[in-house]
Amino acid sequence: MTSSIRKTGETIKNSPFFKGSLYFDHPLAPLTTMHVGGNAAVFVEPQDVESAAFALKTFSQEGFCPFILGGGSNLIVSDSGFSQAVLSTKRLCDISISTKDNSYTVVSAGSGAKTDDIVSLCAQKGIAGMQKFAGLPGSIGGACFMNARCYEKSISDIIESVSYLDAKDNYTLKEYSFDSKDWAYKHSPFVEGTKIIVQVKLKLALANLDAVQRLNNEGKGYIADREQKGHFSYPSAGSVFKNNRSFGKPSGALIDECGLKGLSVGDAQIAPWHGNFIINKGKASASDIRQLIEQVQKVVGEKTGFTLEPEVIFCGR
C-alpha cells in the first residue's frame, strides 16, 4: 500500500497538470486546532481547482480515496495518521465580492479561505451578515460542510450556492444552489463525502460604509466572548458534542451537572470552565481524546438517559 500510493504521489507531483505542493510522510498534528495525530503517507496541497481535480482523479484511478483537509478545526486525527493521501484546500483561498441585482452582496470564497478572514473583509467593506462567525477557526469549506453554527446563526442561513467536485462523476466541477430542505442543525448535503467543496458563495447585505465601525465592534465583541469562554486558551476542536434542543439542555450543561468538568485522560481534559470542550494540555493523543469522550458518554448516559453525539470527526487509520 505505502509504495503504491507513493508511486501515485510521484506521478501527480511530476505531472504538468498539477500545480501546488506534494509531500510524503507529512505531519498532520500542526495542521489541526487540537494538535494531535500522525502523518499522512501523501500530503497534497493543490494551487487551484484544476490541480485538485487532477490529483483526485489520479488517486481514484489507482483505487485511493483521499481525505479532504480544510482548516483542521473539527478533527481528531488518528495517532497512526493516514496510510492513504490527504488533500488540503489551504491554497484554494481566493475571495471576491460582487453585487447581484443591486439587492444583495455575493461573497465568493475558495473553500480553503479562513472563515475569520472573510468576516474581517466583510467588516472592512461594510457588508453585514458574517459578524457572528468572528473568531471561528477553520475554513469556509469546513464551515459549510458541517453547517457551522455560532450564536444561533448557521452558515446555511447565508449560503447562495456551492461549487464542488463530484466524486461520483469523475470529479467534474458542478454547482449546487441552496435549498433549505437539504440542511439541518450541524448537517449539510456535503457530509456524505462525495461532493468536494471548492468554493462557497455567501448571500449578504449590500455594502454600507457607514456600518464599518459597527460591524468591526460586533465582530470584536464575539471574539471577546469566545476568549472569555476560554476558546483560545489551549488547543481544542471546539464543541465536542452536538446539542439536542429536544432534550432541554445543551450538552455542556449536562456534562457539567454530571460533575465531569476537569476530568482527564492523559493530557486530554474536559475544560474546567466549559463541559463541552476538550483541551490538549500539552501532549494529548487521539487515543486519550477518544477514551475521554467515551467516558463522558457513558457517565452522562447513565445519569441522564441522554446519548451524547460527537460533533468532532475522528479520521485516519
C-alpha atoms as a PDB file:
ATOM      1  CA  MET A   1       0.000   0.000   0.000  1.00  0.00           C
ATOM      2  CA  THR A   2       2.680   2.533   1.042  1.00  0.00           C
ATOM      3  CA  SER A   3       4.876   2.025  -2.021  1.00  0.00           C
ATOM      4  CA  SER A   4       1.847   2.063  -4.326  1.00  0.00           C
ATOM      5  CA  ILE A   5       0.425   5.325  -3.023  1.00  0.00           C
ATOM      6  CA  ARG A   6       3.886   6.882  -3.010  1.00  0.00           C
ATOM      7  CA  LYS A   7       4.238   5.974  -6.684  1.00  0.00           C
ATOM      8  CA  THR A   8       0.881   7.607  -7.398  1.00  0.00           C
ATOM      9  CA  GLY A   9       2.009  10.669  -5.477  1.00  0.00           C
ATOM     10  CA  GLU A  10       5.184  10.876  -7.566  1.00  0.00           C
ATOM     11  CA  THR A  11       3.078  10.678 -10.730  1.00  0.00           C
ATOM     12  CA  ILE A  12       0.969  13.625  -9.583  1.00  0.00           C
ATOM     13  CA  LYS A  13       3.931  15.660  -8.368  1.00  0.00           C
ATOM     14  CA  ASN A  14       5.771  15.326 -11.683  1.00  0.00           C
ATOM     15  CA  SER A  15       2.764  15.955 -13.906  1.00  0.00           C
ATOM     16  CA  PRO A  16       2.391  19.213 -15.892  1.00  0.00           C
ATOM     17  CA  PHE A  17      -1.305  19.096 -14.949  1.00  0.00           C
ATOM     18  CA  PHE A  18      -0.560  19.629 -11.264  1.00  0.00           C
ATOM     19  CA  LYS A  19       0.349  22.928  -9.639  1.00  0.00           C
ATOM     20  CA  GLY A  20       0.981  23.036  -5.925  1.00  0.00           C
ATOM     21  CA  SER A  21       2.935  21.080  -3.322  1.00  0.00           C
ATOM     22  CA  LEU A  22       3.120  17.374  -2.548  1.00  0.00           C
ATOM     23  CA  TYR A  23       4.936  15.788   0.384  1.00  0.00           C
ATOM     24  CA  PHE A  24       5.441  12.276   1.725  1.00  0.00           C
ATOM     25  CA  ASP A  25       5.059  11.171   5.364  1.00  0.00           C
ATOM     26  CA  HIS A  26       3.832  14.647   6.249  1.00  0.00           C
ATOM     27  CA  PRO A  27       2.901  15.555   9.881  1.00  0.00           C
ATOM     28  CA  LEU A  28      -0.747  16.487  10.381  1.00  0.00           C
ATOM     29  CA  ALA A  29      -0.891  17.443  14.075  1.00  0.00           C
ATOM     30  CA  PRO A  30       0.318  21.033  13.426  1.00  0.00           C
ATOM     31  CA  LEU A  31      -2.446  21.418  10.822  1.00  0.00           C
ATOM     32  CA  THR A  32      -5.287  20.800  13.281  1.00  0.00           C
ATOM     33  CA  THR A  33      -6.510  23.005  16.100  1.00  0.00           C
ATOM     34  CA  MET A  34      -6.333  20.054  18.539  1.00  0.00           C
ATOM     35  CA  HIS A  35      -2.655  19.430  17.667  1.00  0.00           C
ATOM     36  CA  VAL A  36      -2.892  15.632  17.673  1.00  0.00           C
ATOM     37  CA  GLY A  37      -2.432  12.919  15.063  1.00  0.00           C
ATOM     38  CA  GLY A  38       0.171  11.118  12.993  1.00  0.00           C
ATOM     39  CA  ASN A  39       1.442  11.641   9.467  1.00  0.00           C
ATOM     40  CA  ALA A  40      -0.130  11.411   6.019  1.00  0.00           C
ATOM     41  CA  ALA A  41       1.513   8.925   3.655  1.00  0.00           C
ATOM     42  CA  VAL A  42       0.985  11.528   0.915  1.00  0.00           C
ATOM     43  CA  PHE A  43       0.013  15.149   1.536  1.00  0.00           C
ATOM     44  CA  VAL A  44      -1.254  17.180  -1.426  1.00  0.00           C
ATOM     45  CA  GLU A  45      -1.814  20.931  -1.475  1.00  0.00           C
ATOM     46  CA  PRO A  46      -3.188  21.954  -4.890  1.00  0.00           C
ATOM     47  CA  GLN A  47      -2.760  25.539  -6.034  1.00  0.00           C
ATOM     48  CA  ASP A  48      -6.045  25.643  -7.962  1.00  0.00           C
ATOM     49  CA  VAL A  49      -9.255  23.722  -8.578  1.00  0.00           C
ATOM     50  CA  GLU A  50      -7.944  22.137 -11.775  1.00  0.00           C
ATOM     51  CA  SER A  51      -4.946  20.714  -9.925  1.00  0.00           C
ATOM     52  CA  ALA A  52      -7.195  19.438  -7.145  1.00  0.00           C
ATOM     53  CA  ALA A  53      -9.419  17.692  -9.684  1.00  0.00           C
ATOM     54  CA  PHE A  54      -6.406  16.157 -11.434  1.00  0.00           C
ATOM     55  CA  ALA A  55      -4.952  14.835  -8.162  1.00  0.00           C
ATOM     56  CA  LEU A  56      -8.288  13.398  -7.046  1.00  0.00           C
ATOM     57  CA  LYS A  57      -8.864  11.714 -10.422  1.00  0.00           C
ATOM     58  CA  THR A  58      -5.370  10.215 -10.404  1.00  0.00           C
ATOM     59  CA  PHE A  59      -5.738   8.824  -6.889  1.00  0.00           C
ATOM     60  CA  SER A  60      -9.187   7.470  -7.765  1.00  0.00           C
ATOM     61  CA  GLN A  61      -7.886   5.664 -10.850  1.00  0.00           C
ATOM     62  CA  GLU A  62      -5.419   3.836  -8.603  1.00  0.00           C
ATOM     63  CA  GLY A  63      -8.101   2.927  -6.075  1.00  0.00           C
ATOM     64  CA  PHE A  64      -7.265   5.553  -3.451  1.00  0.00           C
ATOM     65  CA  CYS A  65      -9.764   7.903  -1.822  1.00  0.00           C
ATOM     66  CA  PRO A  66      -8.009  10.952  -0.311  1.00  0.00           C
ATOM     67  CA  PHE A  67      -9.206  12.605   2.876  1.00  0.00           C
ATOM     68  CA  ILE A  68     -10.061  16.295   2.391  1.00  0.00           C
ATOM     69  CA  LEU A  69      -8.480  18.606   4.983  1.00  0.00           C
ATOM     70  CA  GLY A  70      -9.763  22.128   5.450  1.00  0.00           C
ATOM     71  CA  GLY A  71      -8.789  24.250   8.436  1.00  0.00           C
ATOM     72  CA  GLY A  72      -8.497  21.220  10.726  1.00  0.00           C
ATOM     73  CA  SER A  73     -10.733  22.751  13.391  1.00  0.00           C
ATOM     74  CA  ASN A  74     -13.200  19.926  13.947  1.00  0.00           C
ATOM     75  CA  LEU A  75     -10.947  16.889  13.522  1.00  0.00           C
ATOM     76  CA  ILE A  76      -9.300  14.293  15.703  1.00  0.00           C
ATOM     77  CA  VAL A  77      -6.634  12.695  13.522  1.00  0.00           C
ATOM     78  CA  SER A  78      -5.606   9.161  14.471  1.00  0.00           C
ATOM     79  CA  ASP A  79      -2.249   8.748  16.208  1.00  0.00           C
ATOM     80  CA  SER A  80      -1.316   6.490  13.278  1.00  0.00           C
ATOM     81  CA  GLY A  81      -2.196   9.173  10.734  1.00  0.00           C
ATOM     82  CA  PHE A  82      -3.312   8.209   7.241  1.00  0.00           C
ATOM     83  CA  SER A  83      -1.962   5.324   5.188  1.00  0.00           C
ATOM     84  CA  GLN A  84      -3.588   6.990   2.180  1.00  0.00           C
ATOM     85  CA  ALA A  85      -3.493  10.558   0.889  1.00  0.00           C
ATOM     86  CA  VAL A  86      -4.668  13.802   2.452  1.00  0.00           C
ATOM     87  CA  LEU A  87      -5.623  16.686   0.163  1.00  0.00           C
ATOM     88  CA  SER A  88      -5.510  20.147   1.721  1.00  0.00           C
ATOM     89  CA  THR A  89      -7.678  23.008   0.431  1.00  0.00           C
ATOM     90  CA  LYS A  90      -5.447  25.652   2.048  1.00  0.00           C
ATOM     91  CA  ARG A  91      -4.405  27.300  -1.227  1.00  0.00           C
ATOM     92  CA  LEU A  92      -7.944  27.461  -2.591  1.00  0.00           C
ATOM     93  CA  CYS A  93      -8.461  30.685  -0.704  1.00  0.00           C
ATOM     94  CA  ASP A  94      -9.343  33.457  -3.163  1.00  0.00           C
ATOM     95  CA  ILE A  95     -12.122  35.827  -2.038  1.00  0.00           C
ATOM     96  CA  SER A  96     -14.108  38.123  -4.347  1.00  0.00           C
ATOM     97  CA  ILE A  97     -17.082  40.433  -3.860  1.00  0.00           C
ATOM     98  CA  SER A  98     -19.881  41.283  -6.282  1.00  0.00           C
ATOM     99  CA  THR A  99     -23.391  42.736  -6.220  1.00  0.00           C
ATOM    100  CA  LYS A 100     -26.426  40.875  -7.562  1.00  0.00           C
ATOM    101  CA  ASP A 101     -29.461  42.737  -8.925  1.00  0.00           C
ATOM    102  CA  ASN A 102     -28.366  45.702  -6.817  1.00  0.00           C
ATOM    103  CA  SER A 103     -30.169  43.998  -3.932  1.00  0.00           C
ATOM    104  CA  TYR A 104     -27.527  41.974  -2.121  1.00  0.00           C
ATOM    105  CA  THR A 105     -23.815  41.199  -1.998  1.00  0.00           C
ATOM    106  CA  VAL A 106     -22.300  37.909  -3.079  1.00  0.00           C
ATOM    107  CA  VAL A 107     -19.010  36.988  -1.408  1.00  0.00           C
ATOM    108  CA  SER A 108     -17.323  34.139  -3.307  1.00  0.00           C
ATOM    109  CA  ALA A 109     -14.642  32.334  -1.309  1.00  0.00           C
ATOM    110  CA  GLY A 110     -12.433  29.384  -2.096  1.00  0.00           C
ATOM    111  CA  SER A 111     -13.093  26.507   0.291  1.00  0.00           C
ATOM    112  CA  GLY A 112      -9.700  26.975   1.950  1.00  0.00           C
ATOM    113  CA  ALA A 113     -10.309  30.626   2.846  1.00  0.00           C
ATOM    114  CA  LYS A 114     -10.319  31.189   6.596  1.00  0.00           C
ATOM    115  CA  THR A 115     -13.789  31.978   7.853  1.00  0.00           C
ATOM    116  CA  ASP A 116     -12.435  34.703  10.110  1.00  0.00           C
ATOM    117  CA  ASP A 117     -10.653  36.347   7.136  1.00  0.00           C
ATOM    118  CA  ILE A 118     -13.997  36.572   5.347  1.00  0.00           C
ATOM    119  CA  VAL A 119     -15.573  38.123   8.453  1.00  0.00           C
ATOM    120  CA  SER A 120     -12.802  40.739   8.614  1.00  0.00           C
ATOM    121  CA  LEU A 121     -13.017  41.582   4.901  1.00  0.00           C
ATOM    122  CA  CYS A 122     -16.793  41.969   5.079  1.00  0.00           C
ATOM    123  CA  ALA A 123     -16.499  44.283   8.077  1.00  0.00           C
ATOM    124  CA  GLN A 124     -13.914  46.416   6.233  1.00  0.00           C
ATOM    125  CA  LYS A 125     -16.303  46.756   3.293  1.00  0.00           C
ATOM    126  CA  GLY A 126     -19.365  47.432   5.445  1.00  0.00           C
ATOM    127  CA  ILE A 127     -21.057  44.156   4.451  1.00  0.00           C
ATOM    128  CA  ALA A 128     -23.282  42.762   7.210  1.00  0.00           C
ATOM    129  CA  GLY A 129     -24.190  39.125   7.797  1.00  0.00           C
ATOM    130  CA  MET A 130     -20.938  37.412   8.819  1.00  0.00           C
ATOM    131  CA  GLN A 131     -20.080  39.063  12.117  1.00  0.00           C
ATOM    132  CA  LYS A 132     -21.415  36.252  14.343  1.00  0.00           C
ATOM    133  CA  PHE A 133     -18.733  33.984  12.865  1.00  0.00           C
ATOM    134  CA  ALA A 134     -15.906  36.272  14.024  1.00  0.00           C
ATOM    135  CA  GLY A 135     -13.159  34.236  15.669  1.00  0.00           C
ATOM    136  CA  LEU A 136     -14.465  30.933  14.302  1.00  0.00           C
ATOM    137  CA  PRO A 137     -11.410  28.786  13.491  1.00  0.00           C
ATOM    138  CA  GLY A 138     -11.162  26.779  10.295  1.00  0.00           C
ATOM    139  CA  SER A 139     -12.075  27.306   6.663  1.00  0.00           C
ATOM    140  CA  ILE A 140     -15.304  28.340   4.965  1.00  0.00           C
ATOM    141  CA  GLY A 141     -15.371  24.955   3.206  1.00  0.00           C
ATOM    142  CA  GLY A 142     -15.330  23.197   6.573  1.00  0.00           C
ATOM    143  CA  ALA A 143     -17.936  25.570   7.978  1.00  0.00           C
ATOM    144  CA  CYS A 144     -20.174  24.757   5.011  1.00  0.00           C
ATOM    145  CA  PHE A 145     -19.501  21.004   5.273  1.00  0.00           C
ATOM    146  CA  MET A 146     -20.504  20.956   8.964  1.00  0.00           C
ATOM    147  CA  ASN A 147     -23.102  23.743   8.665  1.00  0.00           C
ATOM    148  CA  ALA A 148     -21.296  25.607  11.414  1.00  0.00           C
ATOM    149  CA  ARG A 149     -23.489  27.439  13.907  1.00  0.00           C
ATOM    150  CA  CYS A 150     -22.471  30.407  16.056  1.00  0.00           C
ATOM    151  CA  TYR A 151     -24.663  32.459  18.367  1.00  0.00           C
ATOM    152  CA  GLU A 152     -27.885  30.965  16.924  1.00  0.00           C
ATOM    153  CA  LYS A 153     -26.851  31.597  13.310  1.00  0.00           C
ATOM    154  CA  SER A 154     -25.916  28.830  10.854  1.00  0.00           C
ATOM    155  CA  ILE A 155     -23.758  29.135   7.755  1.00  0.00           C
ATOM    156  CA  SER A 156     -26.721  27.758   5.791  1.00  0.00           C
ATOM    157  CA  ASP A 157     -28.593  30.977   6.638  1.00  0.00           C
ATOM    158  CA  ILE A 158     -26.333  32.889   4.236  1.00  0.00           C
ATOM    159  CA  ILE A 159     -25.330  30.358   1.553  1.00  0.00           C
ATOM    160  CA  GLU A 160     -26.377  31.103  -2.023  1.00  0.00           C
ATOM    161  CA  SER A 161     -24.519  28.302  -3.841  1.00  0.00           C
ATOM    162  CA  VAL A 162     -21.566  25.911  -3.549  1.00  0.00           C
ATOM    163  CA  SER A 163     -19.165  24.716  -6.253  1.00  0.00           C
ATOM    164  CA  TYR A 164     -17.917  21.166  -5.796  1.00  0.00           C
ATOM    165  CA  LEU A 165     -16.030  18.343  -7.467  1.00  0.00           C
ATOM    166  CA  ASP A 166     -18.327  15.349  -7.862  1.00  0.00           C
ATOM    167  CA  ALA A 167     -16.558  12.106  -6.947  1.00  0.00           C
ATOM    168  CA  LYS A 168     -19.451  10.153  -8.468  1.00  0.00           C
ATOM    169  CA  ASP A 169     -18.818  11.814 -11.842  1.00  0.00           C
ATOM    170  CA  ASN A 170     -15.012  11.631 -12.161  1.00  0.00           C
ATOM    171  CA  TYR A 171     -14.589  14.797 -10.076  1.00  0.00           C
ATOM    172  CA  THR A 172     -16.435  17.004 -12.561  1.00  0.00           C
ATOM    173  CA  LEU A 173     -16.914  20.579 -11.338  1.00  0.00           C
ATOM    174  CA  LYS A 174     -20.581  21.248 -10.504  1.00  0.00           C
ATOM    175  CA  GLU A 175     -22.640  23.880  -8.725  1.00  0.00           C
ATOM    176  CA  TYR A 176     -25.223  23.380  -6.013  1.00  0.00           C
ATOM    177  CA  SER A 177     -27.925  26.025  -5.486  1.00  0.00           C
ATOM    178  CA  PHE A 178     -29.138  26.435  -1.918  1.00  0.00           C
ATOM    179  CA  ASP A 179     -32.259  24.502  -0.954  1.00  0.00           C
ATOM    180  CA  SER A 180     -33.295  24.744   2.696  1.00  0.00           C
ATOM    181  CA  LYS A 181     -34.623  21.176   2.823  1.00  0.00           C
ATOM    182  CA  ASP A 182     -31.067  19.851   2.391  1.00  0.00           C
ATOM    183  CA  TRP A 183     -29.820  21.499   5.588  1.00  0.00           C
ATOM    184  CA  ALA A 184     -30.363  20.962   9.282  1.00  0.00           C
ATOM    185  CA  TYR A 185     -28.638  21.604  12.598  1.00  0.00           C
ATOM    186  CA  LYS A 186     -24.931  20.766  12.066  1.00  0.00           C
ATOM    187  CA  HIS A 187     -25.859  18.953   8.832  1.00  0.00           C
ATOM    188  CA  SER A 188     -25.274  19.756   5.152  1.00  0.00           C
ATOM    189  CA  PRO A 189     -25.778  17.947   1.822  1.00  0.00           C
ATOM    190  CA  PHE A 190     -21.991  17.504   1.658  1.00  0.00           C
ATOM    191  CA  VAL A 191     -21.458  15.278   4.691  1.00  0.00           C
ATOM    192  CA  GLU A 192     -21.674  12.084   2.640  1.00  0.00           C
ATOM    193  CA  GLY A 193     -18.219  12.972   1.332  1.00  0.00           C
ATOM    194  CA  THR A 194     -18.707  12.510  -2.412  1.00  0.00           C
ATOM    195  CA  LYS A 195     -19.043  16.233  -3.135  1.00  0.00           C
ATOM    196  CA  ILE A 196     -15.711  18.008  -2.556  1.00  0.00           C
ATOM    197  CA  ILE A 197     -16.383  21.686  -1.796  1.00  0.00           C
ATOM    198  CA  VAL A 198     -14.090  24.077  -3.693  1.00  0.00           C
ATOM    199  CA  GLN A 199     -15.974  27.385  -3.465  1.00  0.00           C
ATOM    200  CA  VAL A 200     -18.773  28.847  -1.353  1.00  0.00           C
ATOM    201  CA  LYS A 201     -20.913  31.822  -2.367  1.00  0.00           C
ATOM    202  CA  LEU A 202     -22.457  33.753   0.509  1.00  0.00           C
ATOM    203  CA  LYS A 203     -25.533  35.962   0.210  1.00  0.00           C
ATOM    204  CA  LEU A 204     -25.011  39.043   2.376  1.00  0.00           C
ATOM    205  CA  ALA A 205     -26.268  42.607   2.782  1.00  0.00           C
ATOM    206  CA  LEU A 206     -25.353  45.406   0.401  1.00  0.00           C
ATOM    207  CA  ALA A 207     -22.190  47.269   1.362  1.00  0.00           C
ATOM    208  CA  ASN A 208     -22.687  50.256   3.638  1.00  0.00           C
ATOM    209  CA  LEU A 209     -19.525  52.116   4.567  1.00  0.00           C
ATOM    210  CA  ASP A 210     -21.363  53.847   7.420  1.00  0.00           C
ATOM    211  CA  ALA A 211     -21.657  50.406   9.055  1.00  0.00           C
ATOM    212  CA  VAL A 212     -17.916  49.613   9.099  1.00  0.00           C
ATOM    213  CA  GLN A 213     -17.288  50.670  12.693  1.00  0.00           C
ATOM    214  CA  ARG A 214     -20.414  48.923  13.967  1.00  0.00           C
ATOM    215  CA  LEU A 215     -19.539  45.662  12.187  1.00  0.00           C
ATOM    216  CA  ASN A 216     -15.962  45.777  13.459  1.00  0.00           C
ATOM    217  CA  ASN A 217     -17.209  46.337  17.003  1.00  0.00           C
ATOM    218  CA  GLU A 218     -19.707  43.479  16.730  1.00  0.00           C
ATOM    219  CA  GLY A 219     -17.006  41.128  15.495  1.00  0.00           C
ATOM    220  CA  LYS A 220     -14.668  42.139  18.305  1.00  0.00           C
ATOM    221  CA  GLY A 221     -17.495  41.537  20.776  1.00  0.00           C
ATOM    222  CA  TYR A 222     -17.983  37.950  19.617  1.00  0.00           C
ATOM    223  CA  ILE A 223     -14.234  37.308  19.698  1.00  0.00           C
ATOM    224  CA  ALA A 224     -14.043  38.723  23.235  1.00  0.00           C
ATOM    225  CA  ASP A 225     -16.897  36.424  24.259  1.00  0.00           C
ATOM    226  CA  ARG A 226     -15.035  33.418  22.811  1.00  0.00           C
ATOM    227  CA  GLU A 227     -11.898  34.468  24.687  1.00  0.00           C
ATOM    228  CA  GLN A 228     -13.854  34.855  27.919  1.00  0.00           C
ATOM    229  CA  LYS A 229     -15.214  31.321  27.435  1.00  0.00           C
ATOM    230  CA  GLY A 230     -11.678  30.008  27.025  1.00  0.00           C
ATOM    231  CA  HIS A 231     -11.907  29.074  23.336  1.00  0.00           C
ATOM    232  CA  PHE A 232      -8.306  30.047  22.663  1.00  0.00           C
ATOM    233  CA  SER A 233      -6.641  29.121  25.966  1.00  0.00           C
ATOM    234  CA  TYR A 234      -5.497  25.655  24.855  1.00  0.00           C
ATOM    235  CA  PRO A 235      -5.573  23.623  21.645  1.00  0.00           C
ATOM    236  CA  SER A 236      -9.083  22.243  21.153  1.00  0.00           C
ATOM    237  CA  ALA A 237     -11.523  21.237  18.437  1.00  0.00           C
ATOM    238  CA  GLY A 238     -14.327  23.490  19.651  1.00  0.00           C
ATOM    239  CA  SER A 239     -17.585  21.935  20.809  1.00  0.00           C
ATOM    240  CA  VAL A 240     -17.138  18.176  21.152  1.00  0.00           C
ATOM    241  CA  PHE A 241     -20.802  17.127  21.274  1.00  0.00           C
ATOM    242  CA  LYS A 242     -23.850  18.287  19.362  1.00  0.00           C
ATOM    243  CA  ASN A 243     -26.655  19.927  21.292  1.00  0.00           C
ATOM    244  CA  ASN A 244     -30.123  18.383  21.259  1.00  0.00           C
ATOM    245  CA  ARG A 245     -32.708  21.039  21.996  1.00  0.00           C
ATOM    246  CA  SER A 246     -35.498  18.465  22.390  1.00  0.00           C
ATOM    247  CA  PHE A 247     -33.714  17.171  25.492  1.00  0.00           C
ATOM    248  CA  GLY A 248     -33.979  20.606  27.058  1.00  0.00           C
ATOM    249  CA  LYS A 249     -30.362  21.378  27.924  1.00  0.00           C
ATOM    250  CA  PRO A 250     -27.157  21.926  25.949  1.00  0.00           C
ATOM    251  CA  SER A 251     -24.582  19.146  26.113  1.00  0.00           C
ATOM    252  CA  GLY A 252     -22.128  21.291  28.064  1.00  0.00           C
ATOM    253  CA  ALA A 253     -24.686  21.805  30.836  1.00  0.00           C
ATOM    254  CA  LEU A 254     -25.380  18.064  31.062  1.00  0.00           C
ATOM    255  CA  ILE A 255     -21.660  17.308  31.326  1.00  0.00           C
ATOM    256  CA  ASP A 256     -21.262  19.985  33.983  1.00  0.00           C
ATOM    257  CA  GLU A 257     -24.204  18.670  36.027  1.00  0.00           C
ATOM    258  CA  CYS A 258     -22.649  15.197  35.927  1.00  0.00           C
ATOM    259  CA  GLY A 259     -19.548  16.642  37.608  1.00  0.00           C
ATOM    260  CA  LEU A 260     -17.242  15.898  34.683  1.00  0.00           C
ATOM    261  CA  LYS A 261     -15.572  19.248  34.118  1.00  0.00           C
ATOM    262  CA  GLY A 262     -11.836  18.803  34.666  1.00  0.00           C
ATOM    263  CA  LEU A 263     -11.906  15.035  34.012  1.00  0.00           C
ATOM    264  CA  SER A 264      -8.701  13.936  32.260  1.00  0.00           C
ATOM    265  CA  VAL A 265      -7.267  11.042  30.308  1.00  0.00           C
ATOM    266  CA  GLY A 266      -3.578  11.696  29.800  1.00  0.00           C
ATOM    267  CA  ASP A 267      -3.238  15.307  28.658  1.00  0.00           C
ATOM    268  CA  ALA A 268      -6.768  15.395  27.256  1.00  0.00           C
ATOM    269  CA  GLN A 269      -9.111  17.177  29.654  1.00  0.00           C
ATOM    270  CA  ILE A 270     -12.710  18.342  29.823  1.00  0.00           C
ATOM    271  CA  ALA A 271     -12.119  22.071  30.159  1.00  0.00           C
ATOM    272  CA  PRO A 272     -12.596  23.150  33.795  1.00  0.00           C
ATOM    273  CA  TRP A 273     -14.584  26.152  32.556  1.00  0.00           C
ATOM    274  CA  HIS A 274     -16.777  24.504  29.864  1.00  0.00           C
ATOM    275  CA  GLY A 275     -18.231  20.995  29.799  1.00  0.00           C
ATOM    276  CA  ASN A 276     -18.394  20.756  26.003  1.00  0.00           C
ATOM    277  CA  PHE A 277     -14.708  21.497  25.348  1.00  0.00           C
ATOM    278  CA  ILE A 278     -11.876  19.012  25.415  1.00  0.00           C
ATOM    279  CA  ILE A 279      -8.495  20.692  25.599  1.00  0.00           C
ATOM    280  CA  ASN A 280      -4.991  19.450  24.891  1.00  0.00           C
ATOM    281  CA  LYS A 281      -2.878  20.389  27.908  1.00  0.00           C
ATOM    282  CA  GLY A 282       0.331  19.600  26.047  1.00  0.00           C
ATOM    283  CA  LYS A 283       0.883  16.034  24.904  1.00  0.00           C
ATOM    284  CA  ALA A 284      -2.595  14.565  24.467  1.00  0.00           C
ATOM    285  CA  SER A 285      -3.019  11.783  21.940  1.00  0.00           C
ATOM    286  CA  ALA A 286      -6.006  10.994  19.756  1.00  0.00           C
ATOM    287  CA  SER A 287      -6.419   7.848  21.831  1.00  0.00           C
ATOM    288  CA  ASP A 288      -6.612   9.936  25.028  1.00  0.00           C
ATOM    289  CA  ILE A 289      -9.342  12.089  23.486  1.00  0.00           C
ATOM    290  CA  ARG A 290     -11.359   9.128  22.243  1.00  0.00           C
ATOM    291  CA  GLN A 291     -11.198   7.448  25.672  1.00  0.00           C
ATOM    292  CA  LEU A 292     -12.263  10.673  27.382  1.00  0.00           C
ATOM    293  CA  ILE A 293     -15.203  11.099  25.016  1.00  0.00           C
ATOM    294  CA  GLU A 294     -16.323   7.534  25.659  1.00  0.00           C
ATOM    295  CA  GLN A 295     -16.101   8.038  29.432  1.00  0.00           C
ATOM    296  CA  VAL A 296     -18.201  11.208  29.229  1.00  0.00           C
ATOM    297  CA  GLN A 297     -20.805   9.495  27.040  1.00  0.00           C
ATOM    298  CA  LYS A 298     -21.045   6.597  29.491  1.00  0.00           C
ATOM    299  CA  VAL A 299     -21.471   8.739  32.605  1.00  0.00           C
ATOM    300  CA  VAL A 300     -23.941  11.187  31.020  1.00  0.00           C
ATOM    301  CA  GLY A 301     -25.934   8.288  29.583  1.00  0.00           C
ATOM    302  CA  GLU A 302     -26.135   6.523  32.953  1.00  0.00           C
ATOM    303  CA  LYS A 303     -27.090   9.664  34.884  1.00  0.00           C
ATOM    304  CA  THR A 304     -29.443  11.381  32.450  1.00  0.00           C
ATOM    305  CA  GLY A 305     -30.513   8.773  29.898  1.00  0.00           C
ATOM    306  CA  PHE A 306     -29.227  11.044  27.121  1.00  0.00           C
ATOM    307  CA  THR A 307     -26.757   9.797  24.498  1.00  0.00           C
ATOM    308  CA  LEU A 308     -24.228  12.465  23.593  1.00  0.00           C
ATOM    309  CA  GLU A 309     -23.478  12.573  19.856  1.00  0.00           C
ATOM    310  CA  PRO A 310     -19.948  13.715  18.964  1.00  0.00           C
ATOM    311  CA  GLU A 311     -19.635  16.722  16.697  1.00  0.00           C
ATOM    312  CA  VAL A 312     -15.916  16.212  16.155  1.00  0.00           C
ATOM    313  CA  ILE A 313     -14.832  13.854  13.375  1.00  0.00           C
ATOM    314  CA  PHE A 314     -12.396  11.015  14.043  1.00  0.00           C
ATOM    315  CA  CYS A 315     -10.334  10.291  10.963  1.00  0.00           C
ATOM    316  CA  GLY A 316      -7.293   8.301   9.822  1.00  0.00           C
ATOM    317  CA  ARG A 317      -6.339   4.662  10.237  1.00  0.00           C
END
